[in-house]
């Protein structure tokens, strides 16, 4: 291992490589190991999770949340978007039918203005889900970029005066009101992922604001408490200490920006004795989360090197 692993409390990579999770192993070989290490560029179709996604995909391209009947369209959107994130991590993109069908389902929910409504219902535009969807579409391939840029245009047009975002209608309608870091941290992901760096100047300003708010209470009731910065999940779904380091690091900020160093130090302290991280959203929080651990290691390596 190289120098970046020296900051870790313990190094879980050797054990992760023995896990038998071939999709995860492939990503570790690609992103965490230095030197001439072989990995698959194509989708890891033999991965059990990949096979399960194929099996569970509905004819319309969506994935459904088991047992969710109330507000089913909202949950279907959420489950489908999360699945597309996971498929990207397993190497899939728009060249594969499974991904393209899922992406086409999501495209069908985009409004003429360019936004995606997500979990908040069909009457409430969501900057958070719009930014996240734009990220998925940029990563998925050029065939989806027109929809992603339409989403960025919408996000740019509804920014608050401070540069960030809040949920319009549900929380605050006036642009004079402050932005929400909970919303801004996920909306920003679409701008960071776009290859043309459209609105780069504006999104840089947003990144500086976000970095200054790390570990602060949000301006609005949703996930307001500072403790929510410590509730980690992967795929990144909320603005937490790890997801914000990931998005700000990929936006070109280093640990000297705002409170990024504080978040970095906190993340390192969350390793267990074997070097794993634990997700607050797993059924058994005591069990280590291998994919969250991979994401944390990837972010640490990027910021250290």
Protein backbone atom coordinates (compact mmCIF):
# COMPACT_ATOMS: atom_id res chain seq x y z
CA UNK A 1 0.00 0.00 0.00
CA UNK A 2 1.08 3.59 -0.54
CA UNK A 3 1.45 6.52 1.84
CA UNK A 4 -2.22 7.50 1.94
CA UNK A 5 -3.09 4.39 3.96
CA UNK A 6 -0.83 5.58 6.78
CA UNK A 7 -3.54 7.97 7.97
CA UNK A 8 -5.92 5.06 8.61
CA UNK A 9 -6.58 3.60 12.03
CA UNK A 10 -6.44 0.18 10.37
CA UNK A 11 -6.28 -0.92 6.74
CA UNK A 12 -9.25 -3.09 5.69
CA UNK A 13 -8.24 -3.45 2.04
CA UNK A 14 -6.55 -6.89 2.32
CA UNK A 15 -9.63 -8.30 4.06
CA UNK A 16 -12.00 -6.65 1.57
CA UNK A 17 -10.06 -8.29 -1.27
CA UNK A 18 -10.78 -11.65 0.33
CA UNK A 19 -14.49 -10.94 0.74
CA UNK A 20 -15.69 -12.71 -2.41
CA UNK A 21 -17.76 -9.67 -3.43
CA UNK A 22 -16.50 -9.49 -7.00
CA UNK A 23 -18.11 -6.14 -7.81
CA UNK A 24 -16.55 -4.53 -4.75
CA UNK A 25 -13.19 -6.18 -5.36
CA UNK A 26 -13.17 -4.83 -8.91
CA UNK A 27 -13.76 -1.29 -7.66
CA UNK A 28 -11.02 -1.63 -5.03
CA UNK A 29 -8.62 -2.83 -7.70
CA UNK A 30 -9.52 0.10 -9.93
CA UNK A 31 -9.68 2.92 -7.39
CA UNK A 32 -7.57 2.01 -4.36
CA UNK A 33 -4.63 -0.07 -5.53
CA UNK A 34 -1.61 1.41 -7.22
CA UNK A 35 0.53 -0.19 -9.89
CA UNK A 36 -0.37 -2.69 -12.59
CA UNK A 37 -3.54 -4.14 -11.10
CA UNK A 38 -6.04 -5.80 -13.40
CA UNK A 39 -9.70 -4.84 -13.18
CA UNK A 40 -12.76 -5.13 -15.39
CA UNK A 41 -13.85 -2.09 -17.39
CA UNK A 42 -17.07 -3.78 -18.41
CA UNK A 43 -20.00 -4.40 -16.03
CA UNK A 44 -19.44 -7.03 -13.38
CA UNK A 45 -22.36 -9.14 -14.57
CA UNK A 46 -21.41 -12.12 -12.40
CA UNK A 47 -21.83 -10.08 -9.24
CA UNK A 48 -24.84 -11.40 -7.26
CA UNK A 49 -26.20 -7.88 -6.77
CA UNK A 50 -26.06 -7.23 -10.52
CA UNK A 51 -27.98 -10.45 -11.18
CA UNK A 52 -30.52 -9.48 -8.54
CA UNK A 53 -31.07 -6.09 -10.17
CA UNK A 54 -31.75 -7.80 -13.49
CA UNK A 55 -34.21 -10.17 -11.84
CA UNK A 56 -36.11 -7.45 -9.99
CA UNK A 57 -36.39 -4.89 -12.78
CA UNK A 58 -39.97 -4.27 -13.85
CA UNK A 59 -41.05 -4.21 -17.52
CA UNK A 60 -41.25 -0.39 -17.43
CA UNK A 61 -37.59 -0.23 -16.36
CA UNK A 62 -38.23 0.66 -12.73
CA UNK A 63 -37.43 -1.06 -9.46
CA UNK A 64 -40.02 -1.16 -6.68
CA UNK A 65 -39.61 -0.94 -2.93
CA UNK A 66 -40.93 -4.17 -1.46
CA UNK A 67 -44.05 -3.61 0.62
CA UNK A 68 -44.36 0.10 -0.17
CA UNK A 69 -47.92 0.85 -1.27
CA UNK A 70 -48.51 4.35 0.07
CA UNK A 71 -47.07 6.96 -2.31
CA UNK A 72 -45.81 4.09 -4.46
CA UNK A 73 -44.74 6.28 -7.44
CA UNK A 74 -42.48 8.31 -5.14
CA UNK A 75 -40.88 5.21 -3.67
CA UNK A 76 -40.49 3.70 -7.14
CA UNK A 77 -38.57 6.79 -8.25
CA UNK A 78 -36.32 6.59 -5.17
CA UNK A 79 -35.63 2.87 -5.51
CA UNK A 80 -34.94 3.19 -9.24
CA UNK A 81 -32.52 6.09 -8.77
CA UNK A 82 -30.68 4.26 -5.97
CA UNK A 83 -30.41 1.16 -8.13
CA UNK A 84 -28.91 3.19 -10.98
CA UNK A 85 -26.28 4.50 -8.56
CA UNK A 86 -25.43 0.93 -7.57
CA UNK A 87 -25.29 -0.22 -11.19
CA UNK A 88 -22.83 2.57 -11.98
CA UNK A 89 -20.60 1.29 -9.19
CA UNK A 90 -20.79 -2.16 -10.73
CA UNK A 91 -19.58 -0.77 -14.05
CA UNK A 92 -22.90 -0.43 -15.87
CA UNK A 93 -23.85 2.56 -18.02
CA UNK A 94 -26.15 3.44 -20.88
CA UNK A 95 -24.63 0.75 -23.08
CA UNK A 96 -26.35 -1.93 -21.00
CA UNK A 97 -30.06 -2.57 -21.38
CA UNK A 98 -30.66 -2.84 -17.65
CA UNK A 99 -29.28 0.64 -17.02
CA UNK A 100 -30.87 2.23 -20.08
CA UNK A 101 -34.33 0.93 -19.21
CA UNK A 102 -34.00 2.31 -15.68
CA UNK A 103 -32.73 5.65 -16.95
CA UNK A 104 -35.62 5.87 -19.44
CA UNK A 105 -38.07 5.33 -16.59
CA UNK A 106 -36.51 8.24 -14.67
CA UNK A 107 -36.50 10.42 -17.81
CA UNK A 108 -40.24 9.84 -18.06
CA UNK A 109 -40.69 11.60 -14.71
CA UNK A 110 -38.79 14.77 -15.68
CA UNK A 111 -41.00 17.87 -15.88
CA UNK A 112 -40.93 20.22 -18.89
CA UNK A 113 -39.01 22.69 -16.69
CA UNK A 114 -36.28 20.11 -16.14
CA UNK A 115 -36.71 19.12 -12.50
CA UNK A 116 -37.44 15.78 -10.84
CA UNK A 117 -39.95 15.55 -7.99
CA UNK A 118 -38.66 12.50 -6.12
CA UNK A 119 -39.91 11.71 -2.64
CA UNK A 120 -41.70 14.97 -1.97
CA UNK A 121 -44.59 14.28 -4.32
CA UNK A 122 -45.67 15.34 -7.76
CA UNK A 123 -46.47 18.91 -6.70
CA UNK A 124 -43.14 19.74 -5.02
CA UNK A 125 -40.00 20.31 -7.12
CA UNK A 126 -36.88 18.85 -5.53
CA UNK A 127 -33.43 20.39 -6.06
CA UNK A 128 -31.94 17.45 -4.18
CA UNK A 129 -33.28 14.71 -6.45
CA UNK A 130 -32.77 16.87 -9.54
CA UNK A 131 -29.05 17.22 -8.78
CA UNK A 132 -28.67 13.55 -7.94
CA UNK A 133 -30.41 12.49 -11.13
CA UNK A 134 -28.19 14.82 -13.18
CA UNK A 135 -25.14 13.14 -11.65
CA UNK A 136 -26.43 9.68 -12.59
CA UNK A 137 -27.17 10.82 -16.14
CA UNK A 138 -23.75 12.41 -16.62
CA UNK A 139 -22.06 9.25 -15.37
CA UNK A 140 -24.38 7.04 -17.40
CA UNK A 141 -23.32 8.34 -20.80
CA UNK A 142 -23.78 11.04 -23.43
CA UNK A 143 -27.22 9.81 -24.47
CA UNK A 144 -28.59 11.22 -21.19
CA UNK A 145 -26.69 14.50 -21.11
CA UNK A 146 -29.45 16.62 -22.64
CA UNK A 147 -31.73 15.66 -19.74
CA UNK A 148 -28.96 16.31 -17.22
CA UNK A 149 -28.22 19.76 -18.62
CA UNK A 150 -31.91 20.61 -18.59
CA UNK A 151 -31.86 19.70 -14.91
CA UNK A 152 -28.81 21.92 -14.28
CA UNK A 153 -30.49 24.84 -16.04
CA UNK A 154 -33.50 24.47 -13.77
CA UNK A 155 -31.30 24.30 -10.68
CA UNK A 156 -29.35 27.36 -11.76
CA UNK A 157 -32.55 29.32 -12.27
CA UNK A 158 -34.00 28.62 -8.81
CA UNK A 159 -30.90 29.29 -6.69
CA UNK A 160 -31.23 31.29 -3.51
CA UNK A 161 -29.49 34.63 -3.30
CA UNK A 162 -26.68 33.02 -1.32
CA UNK A 163 -26.10 30.57 -4.21
CA UNK A 164 -27.47 27.37 -2.69
CA UNK A 165 -30.85 25.65 -2.67
CA UNK A 166 -33.83 24.90 -0.47
CA UNK A 167 -36.99 22.99 -1.28
CA UNK A 168 -39.37 25.47 -2.91
CA UNK A 169 -43.02 25.38 -1.82
CA UNK A 170 -42.41 22.90 1.00
CA UNK A 171 -40.05 25.01 3.11
CA UNK A 172 -39.42 28.46 1.68
CA UNK A 173 -40.47 30.28 -1.48
CA UNK A 174 -38.37 33.43 -1.30
CA UNK A 175 -34.90 33.56 -2.80
CA UNK A 176 -33.96 35.95 -0.01
CA UNK A 177 -34.32 33.12 2.49
CA UNK A 178 -31.16 31.09 3.20
CA UNK A 179 -30.31 27.89 1.43
CA UNK A 180 -30.36 24.47 3.09
CA UNK A 181 -27.08 22.57 3.25
CA UNK A 182 -29.07 19.33 3.38
CA UNK A 183 -30.49 20.12 -0.05
CA UNK A 184 -27.46 21.97 -1.43
CA UNK A 185 -25.01 19.16 -0.75
CA UNK A 186 -26.93 16.77 -3.02
CA UNK A 187 -28.00 19.32 -5.65
CA UNK A 188 -24.33 20.22 -6.13
CA UNK A 189 -23.48 16.68 -7.23
CA UNK A 190 -24.97 17.27 -10.67
CA UNK A 191 -22.78 20.31 -11.28
CA UNK A 192 -19.61 18.54 -10.19
CA UNK A 193 -20.31 15.61 -12.52
CA UNK A 194 -21.00 17.65 -15.67
CA UNK A 195 -18.14 17.33 -18.19
CA UNK A 196 -18.58 20.81 -19.74
CA UNK A 197 -18.26 22.41 -16.28
CA UNK A 198 -21.34 24.47 -17.00
CA UNK A 199 -22.02 27.01 -14.24
CA UNK A 200 -18.59 26.24 -12.76
CA UNK A 201 -18.14 29.70 -11.23
CA UNK A 202 -21.52 29.58 -9.52
CA UNK A 203 -21.07 26.03 -8.24
CA UNK A 204 -17.65 26.91 -6.83
CA UNK A 205 -19.29 29.60 -4.72
CA UNK A 206 -21.85 27.05 -3.54
CA UNK A 207 -19.03 24.67 -2.60
CA UNK A 208 -17.41 27.32 -0.42
CA UNK A 209 -20.70 27.93 1.37
CA UNK A 210 -21.23 24.22 1.90
CA UNK A 211 -17.70 23.74 3.26
CA UNK A 212 -18.28 26.50 5.80
CA UNK A 213 -21.46 24.84 7.12
CA UNK A 214 -20.04 21.41 7.91
CA UNK A 215 -21.32 20.19 11.29
CA UNK A 216 -23.68 23.17 11.56
CA UNK A 217 -27.46 22.82 12.05
CA UNK A 218 -29.47 23.19 8.88
CA UNK A 219 -31.56 26.31 8.31
CA UNK A 220 -34.74 24.22 7.94
CA UNK A 221 -36.40 21.36 9.90
CA UNK A 222 -35.34 18.50 7.57
CA UNK A 223 -32.40 16.69 9.18
CA UNK A 224 -31.67 19.91 11.04
CA UNK A 225 -29.62 18.54 13.93
CA UNK A 226 -25.81 18.51 13.63
CA UNK A 227 -25.87 14.78 14.42
CA UNK A 228 -27.13 14.11 10.90
CA UNK A 229 -23.69 14.95 9.56
CA UNK A 230 -22.61 11.68 11.18
CA UNK A 231 -25.32 9.43 9.76
CA UNK A 232 -23.38 7.92 6.86
CA UNK A 233 -24.87 6.02 3.94
CA UNK A 234 -23.82 4.69 0.58
CA UNK A 235 -24.77 5.22 -2.19
CA UNK A 236 -24.57 8.84 -1.08
CA UNK A 237 -28.15 9.88 -0.40
CA UNK A 238 -27.87 12.63 2.18
CA UNK A 239 -25.52 15.49 2.96
CA UNK A 240 -23.29 13.92 5.57
CA UNK A 241 -19.62 14.29 6.51
CA UNK A 242 -18.46 11.74 3.93
CA UNK A 243 -20.68 12.73 1.02
CA UNK A 244 -19.69 16.38 1.42
CA UNK A 245 -15.98 15.52 1.40
CA UNK A 246 -16.56 13.47 -1.74
CA UNK A 247 -18.40 16.18 -3.67
CA UNK A 248 -16.17 19.04 -2.53
CA UNK A 249 -12.98 17.09 -3.19
CA UNK A 250 -14.12 16.25 -6.71
CA UNK A 251 -14.97 19.93 -7.17
CA UNK A 252 -11.33 20.83 -6.60
CA UNK A 253 -11.40 21.88 -2.95
CA UNK A 254 -8.73 20.63 -0.56
CA UNK A 255 -8.76 20.09 3.18
CA UNK A 256 -7.88 23.72 3.85
CA UNK A 257 -11.33 24.82 2.63
CA UNK A 258 -13.89 25.70 5.27
CA UNK A 259 -14.32 22.88 7.75
CA UNK A 260 -13.26 20.06 5.44
CA UNK A 261 -10.28 19.14 7.65
CA UNK A 262 -12.60 18.78 10.62
CA UNK A 263 -14.87 16.44 8.63
CA UNK A 264 -11.85 14.47 7.40
CA UNK A 265 -10.51 13.97 10.92
CA UNK A 266 -13.97 12.93 12.13
CA UNK A 267 -14.31 10.37 9.33
CA UNK A 268 -10.98 8.79 10.26
CA UNK A 269 -12.11 8.42 13.86
CA UNK A 270 -15.21 6.47 12.79
CA UNK A 271 -13.21 3.43 11.65
CA UNK A 272 -13.68 0.35 13.81
CA UNK A 273 -10.73 -1.72 15.00
CA UNK A 274 -10.52 -3.55 11.65
CA UNK A 275 -10.72 -0.36 9.62
CA UNK A 276 -14.37 -0.54 8.53
CA UNK A 277 -17.10 2.07 8.60
CA UNK A 278 -20.68 1.40 9.69
CA UNK A 279 -23.82 2.79 8.09
CA UNK A 280 -26.69 4.19 10.12
CA UNK A 281 -29.06 2.83 7.50
CA UNK A 282 -28.20 -0.87 7.67
CA UNK A 283 -30.57 -3.11 9.58
CA UNK A 284 -27.74 -4.12 11.87
CA UNK A 285 -25.59 -1.07 12.57
CA UNK A 286 -23.05 -3.27 14.32
CA UNK A 287 -22.15 -4.93 11.03
CA UNK A 288 -19.48 -3.18 8.95
CA UNK A 289 -20.59 -1.83 5.59
CA UNK A 290 -18.06 -2.92 2.91
CA UNK A 291 -19.34 -0.55 0.21
CA UNK A 292 -19.44 2.42 2.58
CA UNK A 293 -15.91 1.48 3.62
CA UNK A 294 -14.82 1.47 -0.03
CA UNK A 295 -16.40 4.91 -0.51
CA UNK A 296 -14.65 6.30 2.57
CA UNK A 297 -11.29 4.89 1.48
CA UNK A 298 -11.74 6.25 -2.04
CA UNK A 299 -12.48 9.73 -0.69
CA UNK A 300 -9.58 9.65 1.79
CA UNK A 301 -7.14 8.53 -0.92
CA UNK A 302 -8.31 11.28 -3.26
CA UNK A 303 -7.95 14.00 -0.65
CA UNK A 304 -4.59 12.82 0.71
CA UNK A 305 -2.91 12.29 -2.65
